[in-house]
Amino acid sequence: MSRILKLPLPPEGTYNYPFDDPSNERQLNFLKHATAISDPKQLKKHLVESHERIMKFFPYPCIWNFDFARGLVSHHPIYPEVLSLAKKEVDYQKIFIDFGALLAVDVRQVISNGWKQEDVLAVDIYEEAKKLSCEMFKDVDGPPPYFIGDIFDSKVFNPAKPEEKIYSKIDLYSLKDLNPLKNRASFISCHYLFHLFGREDQERLASYCAMLLSDKAGSSIFGFHRGSQEEGYQSVHYIPGAVWYGHSVGSWVAMWEDIFEPTKVKIVADLKESNPATQYEYLHGNKTILWMTWSVTRL
């Protein structure tokens, strides 16, 4: 993790503020509401200042690119299903979990689109992320539930612990660990997350998400992260000696098929090249950057 937190900074002034672009008007309107700043110039000042503060703690490529404010969940192909369930009257607690939430923009967006605030959960390992989240947004009804903890820590999540039969509503604000959420999550989003780990830990994370996922049809795990044409360890272009593990579409699908029975889920994965003008690595000479959009949905 220390190598990730010591990324070389891009040239000064090269950050890519996205909300002057009219195509991002919908996200801009959400941010106006979520920050309680309606003036575009004042909002830009607030977001750029937030960007500078966040970069001091988390100089990730996705932070440089303002992805902490863009909102990723709402652009995912499965998001219409998230909205559909939000509107349905059901006899169970609908829970939405976002792993690697950082500033929790996505859970706030889910709430703004109709999901109950008490039924979303942002999860990250850094307490500072939660603090910065509260500084950036002005939550009229208070901040959404935010759990700080590492799912690989057995005190946070114990895969060997039997599933608890909880029939009452779970208070996500008072969680001590993630074990009560086994078989309870309707949707689990994992954006910019899996590519941070090696092959074995990616498999562990996938299996733990599967344990948290509800067994109800339509329940989904989905996300967006770096992908590769060929599976395997690859060099990090801008950090000498560092490597990351990239999945191809085929190896990614195979990993999930080893976790779920293939006939019980629908697995979708799509690999595309990104717009290099908005990519951190492009500034350091990497001209080809592939991203995988994926989902695993119970049938």
C-alpha atoms as a PDB file:
ATOM      1  CA  MET A   1       0.000   0.000   0.000  1.00  0.00           C
ATOM      2  CA  SER A   2       2.871   2.402   0.712  1.00  0.00           C
ATOM      3  CA  ARG A   3       3.893   2.348  -2.953  1.00  0.00           C
ATOM      4  CA  ILE A   4       0.385   3.257  -3.993  1.00  0.00           C
ATOM      5  CA  LEU A   5       0.460   6.238  -1.647  1.00  0.00           C
ATOM      6  CA  LYS A   6       3.745   7.508  -3.144  1.00  0.00           C
ATOM      7  CA  LEU A   7       2.657   8.016  -6.728  1.00  0.00           C
ATOM      8  CA  PRO A   8       4.560  10.650  -8.697  1.00  0.00           C
ATOM      9  CA  LEU A   9       2.466  13.773  -9.069  1.00  0.00           C
ATOM     10  CA  PRO A  10       1.441  14.849 -12.569  1.00  0.00           C
ATOM     11  CA  PRO A  11       2.699  18.180 -13.927  1.00  0.00           C
ATOM     12  CA  GLU A  12       1.237  21.170 -12.096  1.00  0.00           C
ATOM     13  CA  GLY A  13      -1.968  22.467 -13.630  1.00  0.00           C
ATOM     14  CA  THR A  14      -2.768  19.296 -15.556  1.00  0.00           C
ATOM     15  CA  TYR A  15      -5.713  18.156 -13.461  1.00  0.00           C
ATOM     16  CA  ASN A  16      -8.860  17.555 -15.441  1.00  0.00           C
ATOM     17  CA  TYR A  17     -11.821  19.463 -13.936  1.00  0.00           C
ATOM     18  CA  PRO A  18     -14.793  17.839 -15.674  1.00  0.00           C
ATOM     19  CA  PHE A  19     -17.792  19.951 -14.712  1.00  0.00           C
ATOM     20  CA  ASP A  20     -17.285  22.828 -17.140  1.00  0.00           C
ATOM     21  CA  ASP A  21     -18.268  20.326 -19.832  1.00  0.00           C
ATOM     22  CA  PRO A  22     -22.027  20.589 -20.585  1.00  0.00           C
ATOM     23  CA  SER A  23     -22.211  16.798 -20.951  1.00  0.00           C
ATOM     24  CA  ASN A  24     -21.679  16.548 -17.176  1.00  0.00           C
ATOM     25  CA  GLU A  25     -24.625  18.806 -16.333  1.00  0.00           C
ATOM     26  CA  ARG A  26     -26.562  16.047 -14.555  1.00  0.00           C
ATOM     27  CA  GLN A  27     -23.656  15.343 -12.212  1.00  0.00           C
ATOM     28  CA  LEU A  28     -23.096  19.064 -11.720  1.00  0.00           C
ATOM     29  CA  ASN A  29     -26.706  19.473 -10.607  1.00  0.00           C
ATOM     30  CA  PHE A  30     -26.307  16.603  -8.147  1.00  0.00           C
ATOM     31  CA  LEU A  31     -23.173  18.217  -6.697  1.00  0.00           C
ATOM     32  CA  LYS A  32     -24.951  21.554  -6.338  1.00  0.00           C
ATOM     33  CA  HIS A  33     -27.596  19.835  -4.240  1.00  0.00           C
ATOM     34  CA  ALA A  34     -25.175  17.634  -2.265  1.00  0.00           C
ATOM     35  CA  THR A  35     -22.836  20.502  -1.375  1.00  0.00           C
ATOM     36  CA  ALA A  36     -25.562  23.157  -1.003  1.00  0.00           C
ATOM     37  CA  ILE A  37     -23.586  25.388  -3.395  1.00  0.00           C
ATOM     38  CA  SER A  38     -25.715  26.493  -6.333  1.00  0.00           C
ATOM     39  CA  ASP A  39     -23.326  28.958  -7.969  1.00  0.00           C
ATOM     40  CA  PRO A  40     -21.126  27.110 -10.538  1.00  0.00           C
ATOM     41  CA  LYS A  41     -18.079  29.304  -9.859  1.00  0.00           C
ATOM     42  CA  GLN A  42     -18.307  28.816  -6.094  1.00  0.00           C
ATOM     43  CA  LEU A  43     -18.892  25.105  -6.582  1.00  0.00           C
ATOM     44  CA  LYS A  44     -15.816  24.832  -8.799  1.00  0.00           C
ATOM     45  CA  LYS A  45     -13.754  26.646  -6.162  1.00  0.00           C
ATOM     46  CA  HIS A  46     -15.070  24.256  -3.491  1.00  0.00           C
ATOM     47  CA  LEU A  47     -14.377  21.140  -5.583  1.00  0.00           C
ATOM     48  CA  VAL A  48     -10.884  22.251  -6.603  1.00  0.00           C
ATOM     49  CA  GLU A  49     -10.029  23.039  -2.971  1.00  0.00           C
ATOM     50  CA  SER A  50     -11.437  19.644  -1.956  1.00  0.00           C
ATOM     51  CA  HIS A  51      -9.350  18.073  -4.714  1.00  0.00           C
ATOM     52  CA  GLU A  52      -6.189  19.656  -3.320  1.00  0.00           C
ATOM     53  CA  ARG A  53      -6.934  18.460   0.228  1.00  0.00           C
ATOM     54  CA  ILE A  54      -7.756  14.936  -0.908  1.00  0.00           C
ATOM     55  CA  MET A  55      -4.647  14.655  -3.090  1.00  0.00           C
ATOM     56  CA  LYS A  56      -2.483  15.306  -0.014  1.00  0.00           C
ATOM     57  CA  PHE A  57      -3.847  12.161   1.619  1.00  0.00           C
ATOM     58  CA  PHE A  58      -4.780  10.025  -1.375  1.00  0.00           C
ATOM     59  CA  PRO A  59      -2.743  10.900  -4.488  1.00  0.00           C
ATOM     60  CA  TYR A  60      -4.432   8.203  -6.552  1.00  0.00           C
ATOM     61  CA  PRO A  61      -4.924   8.580 -10.311  1.00  0.00           C
ATOM     62  CA  CYS A  62      -8.702   8.505  -9.799  1.00  0.00           C
ATOM     63  CA  ILE A  63      -8.467  11.446  -7.390  1.00  0.00           C
ATOM     64  CA  TRP A  64      -6.336  13.458  -9.812  1.00  0.00           C
ATOM     65  CA  ASN A  65      -9.027  12.810 -12.439  1.00  0.00           C
ATOM     66  CA  PHE A  66     -11.833  14.110 -10.143  1.00  0.00           C
ATOM     67  CA  ASP A  67     -13.486  10.690 -10.155  1.00  0.00           C
ATOM     68  CA  PHE A  68     -14.226  11.219  -6.448  1.00  0.00           C
ATOM     69  CA  ALA A  69     -16.864  13.722  -7.620  1.00  0.00           C
ATOM     70  CA  ARG A  70     -17.886  12.350 -11.017  1.00  0.00           C
ATOM     71  CA  GLY A  71     -19.981   9.514  -9.644  1.00  0.00           C
ATOM     72  CA  LEU A  72     -19.287   6.057 -11.031  1.00  0.00           C
ATOM     73  CA  VAL A  73     -22.276   3.982  -9.946  1.00  0.00           C
ATOM     74  CA  SER A  74     -24.807   6.083 -11.841  1.00  0.00           C
ATOM     75  CA  HIS A  75     -22.934   5.503 -15.114  1.00  0.00           C
ATOM     76  CA  HIS A  76     -22.805   1.723 -14.754  1.00  0.00           C
ATOM     77  CA  PRO A  77     -25.056  -0.303 -17.116  1.00  0.00           C
ATOM     78  CA  ILE A  78     -26.720  -2.001 -14.157  1.00  0.00           C
ATOM     79  CA  TYR A  79     -27.749   1.256 -12.457  1.00  0.00           C
ATOM     80  CA  PRO A  80     -31.295   1.169 -13.890  1.00  0.00           C
ATOM     81  CA  GLU A  81     -31.780  -2.043 -11.890  1.00  0.00           C
ATOM     82  CA  VAL A  82     -30.597  -0.233  -8.750  1.00  0.00           C
ATOM     83  CA  LEU A  83     -33.157   2.511  -9.381  1.00  0.00           C
ATOM     84  CA  SER A  84     -35.885  -0.024 -10.127  1.00  0.00           C
ATOM     85  CA  LEU A  85     -35.409  -1.799  -6.791  1.00  0.00           C
ATOM     86  CA  ALA A  86     -35.270   1.536  -4.958  1.00  0.00           C
ATOM     87  CA  LYS A  87     -38.839   2.220  -6.122  1.00  0.00           C
ATOM     88  CA  LYS A  88     -40.244  -1.216  -5.299  1.00  0.00           C
ATOM     89  CA  GLU A  89     -42.154  -1.991  -2.125  1.00  0.00           C
ATOM     90  CA  VAL A  90     -40.658  -5.183  -0.677  1.00  0.00           C
ATOM     91  CA  ASP A  91     -40.907  -7.024   2.632  1.00  0.00           C
ATOM     92  CA  TYR A  92     -37.161  -7.031   3.317  1.00  0.00           C
ATOM     93  CA  GLN A  93     -34.433  -4.454   3.934  1.00  0.00           C
ATOM     94  CA  LYS A  94     -32.837  -3.381   0.653  1.00  0.00           C
ATOM     95  CA  ILE A  95     -29.146  -2.765   1.357  1.00  0.00           C
ATOM     96  CA  PHE A  96     -26.683  -1.069  -0.994  1.00  0.00           C
ATOM     97  CA  ILE A  97     -22.958  -1.407  -0.135  1.00  0.00           C
ATOM     98  CA  ASP A  98     -20.137   0.548  -1.769  1.00  0.00           C
ATOM     99  CA  PHE A  99     -16.644  -0.839  -1.111  1.00  0.00           C
ATOM    100  CA  GLY A 100     -13.721   1.546  -1.555  1.00  0.00           C
ATOM    101  CA  ALA A 101     -16.173   4.398  -1.055  1.00  0.00           C
ATOM    102  CA  LEU A 102     -13.581   7.089  -0.280  1.00  0.00           C
ATOM    103  CA  LEU A 103     -15.692  10.302  -0.214  1.00  0.00           C
ATOM    104  CA  ALA A 104     -18.939   8.331  -0.559  1.00  0.00           C
ATOM    105  CA  VAL A 105     -20.229  10.322  -3.530  1.00  0.00           C
ATOM    106  CA  ASP A 106     -21.826   7.197  -4.997  1.00  0.00           C
ATOM    107  CA  VAL A 107     -23.912   6.297  -1.948  1.00  0.00           C
ATOM    108  CA  ARG A 108     -25.090   9.902  -1.753  1.00  0.00           C
ATOM    109  CA  GLN A 109     -26.095   9.694  -5.396  1.00  0.00           C
ATOM    110  CA  VAL A 110     -27.984   6.458  -4.764  1.00  0.00           C
ATOM    111  CA  ILE A 111     -29.805   8.189  -1.906  1.00  0.00           C
ATOM    112  CA  SER A 112     -30.644  11.176  -4.107  1.00  0.00           C
ATOM    113  CA  ASN A 113     -32.212   8.743  -6.589  1.00  0.00           C
ATOM    114  CA  GLY A 114     -34.591   7.241  -4.038  1.00  0.00           C
ATOM    115  CA  TRP A 115     -32.716   4.718  -1.902  1.00  0.00           C
ATOM    116  CA  LYS A 116     -33.304   5.093   1.837  1.00  0.00           C
ATOM    117  CA  GLN A 117     -30.315   6.706   3.533  1.00  0.00           C
ATOM    118  CA  GLU A 118     -30.356   4.227   6.398  1.00  0.00           C
ATOM    119  CA  ASP A 119     -30.068   1.348   3.902  1.00  0.00           C
ATOM    120  CA  VAL A 120     -26.839   2.363   2.167  1.00  0.00           C
ATOM    121  CA  LEU A 121     -23.357   1.667   3.498  1.00  0.00           C
ATOM    122  CA  ALA A 122     -20.076   3.254   2.446  1.00  0.00           C
ATOM    123  CA  VAL A 123     -17.024   1.135   3.324  1.00  0.00           C
ATOM    124  CA  ASP A 124     -13.379   2.192   3.293  1.00  0.00           C
ATOM    125  CA  ILE A 125     -10.236   1.501   5.285  1.00  0.00           C
ATOM    126  CA  TYR A 126      -9.262   5.123   5.941  1.00  0.00           C
ATOM    127  CA  GLU A 127     -10.837   7.234   8.674  1.00  0.00           C
ATOM    128  CA  GLU A 128      -9.488  10.310   6.889  1.00  0.00           C
ATOM    129  CA  ALA A 129     -11.680   9.482   3.879  1.00  0.00           C
ATOM    130  CA  LYS A 130     -14.787   9.699   6.043  1.00  0.00           C
ATOM    131  CA  LYS A 131     -13.647  13.029   7.492  1.00  0.00           C
ATOM    132  CA  LEU A 132     -12.938  14.505   4.053  1.00  0.00           C
ATOM    133  CA  SER A 133     -16.303  13.227   2.867  1.00  0.00           C
ATOM    134  CA  CYS A 134     -18.121  15.185   5.563  1.00  0.00           C
ATOM    135  CA  GLU A 135     -16.090  18.309   4.733  1.00  0.00           C
ATOM    136  CA  MET A 136     -16.958  18.160   1.052  1.00  0.00           C
ATOM    137  CA  PHE A 137     -20.692  17.494   1.337  1.00  0.00           C
ATOM    138  CA  LYS A 138     -23.424  19.268   3.280  1.00  0.00           C
ATOM    139  CA  ASP A 139     -25.761  16.480   4.351  1.00  0.00           C
ATOM    140  CA  VAL A 140     -29.099  17.968   5.415  1.00  0.00           C
ATOM    141  CA  ASP A 141     -30.105  14.720   7.130  1.00  0.00           C
ATOM    142  CA  GLY A 142     -26.614  13.932   8.393  1.00  0.00           C
ATOM    143  CA  PRO A 143     -24.016  11.763   6.648  1.00  0.00           C
ATOM    144  CA  PRO A 144     -24.916   8.293   5.352  1.00  0.00           C
ATOM    145  CA  PRO A 145     -23.717   5.174   7.209  1.00  0.00           C
ATOM    146  CA  TYR A 146     -19.951   4.856   6.768  1.00  0.00           C
ATOM    147  CA  PHE A 147     -18.017   1.832   8.048  1.00  0.00           C
ATOM    148  CA  ILE A 148     -14.247   2.040   8.451  1.00  0.00           C
ATOM    149  CA  GLY A 149     -12.512  -1.329   8.287  1.00  0.00           C
ATOM    150  CA  ASP A 150     -10.535  -3.803   6.187  1.00  0.00           C
ATOM    151  CA  ILE A 151     -12.628  -6.726   4.940  1.00  0.00           C
ATOM    152  CA  PHE A 152      -9.472  -8.878   4.959  1.00  0.00           C
ATOM    153  CA  ASP A 153      -9.224  -8.386   8.743  1.00  0.00           C
ATOM    154  CA  SER A 154     -10.969 -11.304  10.478  1.00  0.00           C
ATOM    155  CA  LYS A 155     -12.224  -8.893  13.160  1.00  0.00           C
ATOM    156  CA  VAL A 156     -14.066  -7.004  10.422  1.00  0.00           C
ATOM    157  CA  PHE A 157     -15.265  -9.983   8.392  1.00  0.00           C
ATOM    158  CA  ASN A 158     -14.945 -13.639   9.347  1.00  0.00           C
ATOM    159  CA  PRO A 159     -15.795 -15.892   6.383  1.00  0.00           C
ATOM    160  CA  ALA A 160     -15.882 -18.930   8.661  1.00  0.00           C
ATOM    161  CA  LYS A 161     -18.496 -17.456  10.991  1.00  0.00           C
ATOM    162  CA  PRO A 162     -21.972 -18.863  10.288  1.00  0.00           C
ATOM    163  CA  GLU A 163     -24.518 -16.512   8.790  1.00  0.00           C
ATOM    164  CA  GLU A 164     -26.611 -14.798  11.464  1.00  0.00           C
ATOM    165  CA  LYS A 165     -30.356 -15.220  11.120  1.00  0.00           C
ATOM    166  CA  ILE A 166     -31.414 -11.617  11.594  1.00  0.00           C
ATOM    167  CA  TYR A 167     -35.050 -10.936  10.771  1.00  0.00           C
ATOM    168  CA  SER A 168     -35.196  -7.350  11.974  1.00  0.00           C
ATOM    169  CA  LYS A 169     -33.843  -4.275  10.204  1.00  0.00           C
ATOM    170  CA  ILE A 170     -30.069  -3.890  10.579  1.00  0.00           C
ATOM    171  CA  ASP A 171     -28.881  -0.523  11.905  1.00  0.00           C
ATOM    172  CA  LEU A 172     -26.046   0.240   9.488  1.00  0.00           C
ATOM    173  CA  TYR A 173     -24.959   3.239  11.564  1.00  0.00           C
ATOM    174  CA  SER A 174     -23.980   1.047  14.506  1.00  0.00           C
ATOM    175  CA  LEU A 175     -22.196  -1.855  12.790  1.00  0.00           C
ATOM    176  CA  LYS A 176     -19.224  -3.250  14.704  1.00  0.00           C
ATOM    177  CA  ASP A 177     -18.235  -5.571  11.857  1.00  0.00           C
ATOM    178  CA  LEU A 178     -19.595  -6.748   8.500  1.00  0.00           C
ATOM    179  CA  ASN A 179     -20.660 -10.248   9.561  1.00  0.00           C
ATOM    180  CA  PRO A 180     -24.353  -9.353  10.118  1.00  0.00           C
ATOM    181  CA  LEU A 181     -24.551  -8.403   6.424  1.00  0.00           C
ATOM    182  CA  LYS A 182     -23.973 -11.924   5.106  1.00  0.00           C
ATOM    183  CA  ASN A 183     -26.694 -12.739   2.552  1.00  0.00           C
ATOM    184  CA  ARG A 184     -28.241  -9.284   3.055  1.00  0.00           C
ATOM    185  CA  ALA A 185     -26.880  -6.966   0.337  1.00  0.00           C
ATOM    186  CA  SER A 186     -29.087  -6.299  -2.671  1.00  0.00           C
ATOM    187  CA  PHE A 187     -26.294  -4.479  -4.497  1.00  0.00           C
ATOM    188  CA  ILE A 188     -22.546  -4.283  -3.912  1.00  0.00           C
ATOM    189  CA  SER A 189     -20.479  -1.814  -5.917  1.00  0.00           C
ATOM    190  CA  CYS A 190     -16.694  -2.119  -6.211  1.00  0.00           C
ATOM    191  CA  HIS A 191     -15.216   0.645  -8.354  1.00  0.00           C
ATOM    192  CA  TYR A 192     -11.463   1.160  -8.779  1.00  0.00           C
ATOM    193  CA  LEU A 193     -10.918  -1.591  -6.227  1.00  0.00           C
ATOM    194  CA  PHE A 194      -9.981  -5.062  -7.467  1.00  0.00           C
ATOM    195  CA  HIS A 195      -6.923  -3.940  -9.438  1.00  0.00           C
ATOM    196  CA  LEU A 196      -5.305  -2.768  -6.182  1.00  0.00           C
ATOM    197  CA  PHE A 197      -4.756  -6.405  -5.164  1.00  0.00           C
ATOM    198  CA  GLY A 198      -2.878  -9.467  -6.363  1.00  0.00           C
ATOM    199  CA  ARG A 199      -4.636 -12.488  -7.831  1.00  0.00           C
ATOM    200  CA  GLU A 200      -5.213 -14.324  -4.536  1.00  0.00           C
ATOM    201  CA  ASP A 201      -6.630 -11.286  -2.757  1.00  0.00           C
ATOM    202  CA  GLN A 202      -8.868 -10.488  -5.722  1.00  0.00           C
ATOM    203  CA  GLU A 203     -10.284 -13.998  -5.394  1.00  0.00           C
ATOM    204  CA  ARG A 204     -10.745 -13.523  -1.637  1.00  0.00           C
ATOM    205  CA  LEU A 205     -12.489 -10.198  -2.107  1.00  0.00           C
ATOM    206  CA  ALA A 206     -14.796 -11.680  -4.725  1.00  0.00           C
ATOM    207  CA  SER A 207     -15.709 -14.612  -2.478  1.00  0.00           C
ATOM    208  CA  TYR A 208     -16.386 -12.304   0.492  1.00  0.00           C
ATOM    209  CA  CYS A 209     -18.647 -10.111  -1.644  1.00  0.00           C
ATOM    210  CA  ALA A 210     -20.488 -13.258  -2.711  1.00  0.00           C
ATOM    211  CA  MET A 211     -21.085 -14.108   0.957  1.00  0.00           C
ATOM    212  CA  LEU A 212     -22.566 -10.667   1.575  1.00  0.00           C
ATOM    213  CA  LEU A 213     -24.806 -10.771  -1.495  1.00  0.00           C
ATOM    214  CA  SER A 214     -28.464 -11.621  -0.966  1.00  0.00           C
ATOM    215  CA  ASP A 215     -29.658 -14.871  -2.506  1.00  0.00           C
ATOM    216  CA  LYS A 216     -32.667 -13.069  -4.005  1.00  0.00           C
ATOM    217  CA  ALA A 217     -32.857 -12.968  -7.807  1.00  0.00           C
ATOM    218  CA  GLY A 218     -31.560  -9.688  -9.218  1.00  0.00           C
ATOM    219  CA  SER A 219     -29.041  -9.091  -6.434  1.00  0.00           C
ATOM    220  CA  SER A 220     -25.805  -7.920  -8.024  1.00  0.00           C
ATOM    221  CA  ILE A 221     -22.122  -7.250  -7.462  1.00  0.00           C
ATOM    222  CA  PHE A 222     -20.787  -4.781  -9.999  1.00  0.00           C
ATOM    223  CA  GLY A 223     -17.964  -2.393 -10.698  1.00  0.00           C
ATOM    224  CA  PHE A 224     -15.307  -0.871 -12.863  1.00  0.00           C
ATOM    225  CA  HIS A 225     -11.518  -1.281 -12.741  1.00  0.00           C
ATOM    226  CA  ARG A 226      -8.333  -1.725 -14.753  1.00  0.00           C
ATOM    227  CA  GLY A 227      -8.399  -4.690 -17.082  1.00  0.00           C
ATOM    228  CA  SER A 228      -6.044  -6.347 -19.531  1.00  0.00           C
ATOM    229  CA  GLN A 229      -6.078  -8.195 -22.829  1.00  0.00           C
ATOM    230  CA  GLU A 230      -3.954 -10.895 -21.185  1.00  0.00           C
ATOM    231  CA  GLU A 231      -4.283 -12.098 -17.593  1.00  0.00           C
ATOM    232  CA  GLY A 232      -1.252 -11.718 -15.354  1.00  0.00           C
ATOM    233  CA  TYR A 233       1.070  -9.459 -13.396  1.00  0.00           C
ATOM    234  CA  GLN A 234       2.079  -6.310 -15.238  1.00  0.00           C
ATOM    235  CA  SER A 235       4.356  -3.393 -14.515  1.00  0.00           C
ATOM    236  CA  VAL A 236       3.053  -0.098 -13.185  1.00  0.00           C
ATOM    237  CA  HIS A 237       4.282   2.261 -15.865  1.00  0.00           C
ATOM    238  CA  TYR A 238       5.144   5.177 -13.593  1.00  0.00           C
ATOM    239  CA  ILE A 239       6.564   3.292 -10.552  1.00  0.00           C
ATOM    240  CA  PRO A 240       9.781   1.342 -11.286  1.00  0.00           C
ATOM    241  CA  GLY A 241       9.605  -2.217  -9.963  1.00  0.00           C
ATOM    242  CA  ALA A 242       5.911  -2.081  -9.020  1.00  0.00           C
ATOM    243  CA  VAL A 243       3.405  -4.522 -10.513  1.00  0.00           C
ATOM    244  CA  TRP A 244      -0.363  -4.998 -10.602  1.00  0.00           C
ATOM    245  CA  TYR A 245      -2.474  -8.030 -11.472  1.00  0.00           C
ATOM    246  CA  GLY A 246      -4.741  -7.563 -14.460  1.00  0.00           C
ATOM    247  CA  HIS A 247      -7.631  -9.819 -15.403  1.00  0.00           C
ATOM    248  CA  SER A 248      -8.747 -10.407 -18.952  1.00  0.00           C
ATOM    249  CA  VAL A 249     -12.463 -10.739 -19.617  1.00  0.00           C
ATOM    250  CA  GLY A 250     -12.071 -14.517 -19.791  1.00  0.00           C
ATOM    251  CA  SER A 251     -10.140 -14.886 -16.531  1.00  0.00           C
ATOM    252  CA  TRP A 252     -12.493 -12.477 -14.760  1.00  0.00           C
ATOM    253  CA  VAL A 253     -15.563 -14.463 -15.767  1.00  0.00           C
ATOM    254  CA  ALA A 254     -13.815 -17.716 -14.819  1.00  0.00           C
ATOM    255  CA  MET A 255     -13.006 -16.367 -11.339  1.00  0.00           C
ATOM    256  CA  TRP A 256     -16.667 -15.634 -10.641  1.00  0.00           C
ATOM    257  CA  GLU A 257     -17.764 -18.975 -12.099  1.00  0.00           C
ATOM    258  CA  ASP A 258     -15.503 -20.661  -9.545  1.00  0.00           C
ATOM    259  CA  ILE A 259     -17.358 -18.796  -6.776  1.00  0.00           C
ATOM    260  CA  PHE A 260     -20.950 -19.115  -7.998  1.00  0.00           C
ATOM    261  CA  GLU A 261     -22.549 -21.934  -9.913  1.00  0.00           C
ATOM    262  CA  PRO A 262     -22.469 -20.625 -13.514  1.00  0.00           C
ATOM    263  CA  THR A 263     -26.147 -21.492 -13.997  1.00  0.00           C
ATOM    264  CA  LYS A 264     -27.132 -19.413 -10.942  1.00  0.00           C
ATOM    265  CA  VAL A 265     -25.693 -16.055 -12.054  1.00  0.00           C
ATOM    266  CA  LYS A 266     -25.355 -13.866 -15.122  1.00  0.00           C
ATOM    267  CA  ILE A 267     -21.803 -12.555 -15.532  1.00  0.00           C
ATOM    268  CA  VAL A 268     -21.154  -9.607 -17.835  1.00  0.00           C
ATOM    269  CA  ALA A 269     -17.718  -8.115 -18.503  1.00  0.00           C
ATOM    270  CA  ASP A 270     -16.684  -5.591 -21.122  1.00  0.00           C
ATOM    271  CA  LEU A 271     -13.175  -4.263 -21.777  1.00  0.00           C
ATOM    272  CA  LYS A 272     -12.675  -0.870 -23.418  1.00  0.00           C
ATOM    273  CA  GLU A 273      -9.864   1.583 -23.981  1.00  0.00           C
ATOM    274  CA  SER A 274     -10.300   4.838 -22.102  1.00  0.00           C
ATOM    275  CA  ASN A 275     -10.023   8.411 -23.260  1.00  0.00           C
ATOM    276  CA  PRO A 276      -6.276   9.061 -22.795  1.00  0.00           C
ATOM    277  CA  ALA A 277      -6.731  12.805 -22.350  1.00  0.00           C
ATOM    278  CA  THR A 278      -8.389  12.189 -18.974  1.00  0.00           C
ATOM    279  CA  GLN A 279      -5.994   9.551 -17.706  1.00  0.00           C
ATOM    280  CA  TYR A 280      -3.231  10.037 -15.166  1.00  0.00           C
ATOM    281  CA  GLU A 281      -1.031   7.365 -16.716  1.00  0.00           C
ATOM    282  CA  TYR A 282      -1.161   9.079 -20.086  1.00  0.00           C
ATOM    283  CA  LEU A 283       0.802  11.948 -18.541  1.00  0.00           C
ATOM    284  CA  HIS A 284       3.537   9.460 -17.683  1.00  0.00           C
ATOM    285  CA  GLY A 285       3.766   7.939 -21.148  1.00  0.00           C
ATOM    286  CA  ASN A 286       1.340   5.006 -21.033  1.00  0.00           C
ATOM    287  CA  LYS A 287      -0.746   5.318 -24.182  1.00  0.00           C
ATOM    288  CA  THR A 288      -3.004   2.277 -23.785  1.00  0.00           C
ATOM    289  CA  ILE A 289      -5.257   2.046 -20.730  1.00  0.00           C
ATOM    290  CA  LEU A 290      -8.005  -0.567 -20.600  1.00  0.00           C
ATOM    291  CA  TRP A 291     -10.952  -0.552 -18.215  1.00  0.00           C
ATOM    292  CA  MET A 292     -13.337  -3.372 -17.413  1.00  0.00           C
ATOM    293  CA  THR A 293     -17.009  -2.764 -16.649  1.00  0.00           C
ATOM    294  CA  TRP A 294     -18.620  -5.833 -15.104  1.00  0.00           C
ATOM    295  CA  SER A 295     -21.509  -7.253 -13.115  1.00  0.00           C
ATOM    296  CA  VAL A 296     -22.493 -10.532 -11.474  1.00  0.00           C
ATOM    297  CA  THR A 297     -26.252 -10.924 -11.022  1.00  0.00           C
ATOM    298  CA  ARG A 298     -28.193 -13.715  -9.349  1.00  0.00           C
ATOM    299  CA  LEU A 299     -30.780 -15.395 -11.567  1.00  0.00           C
END
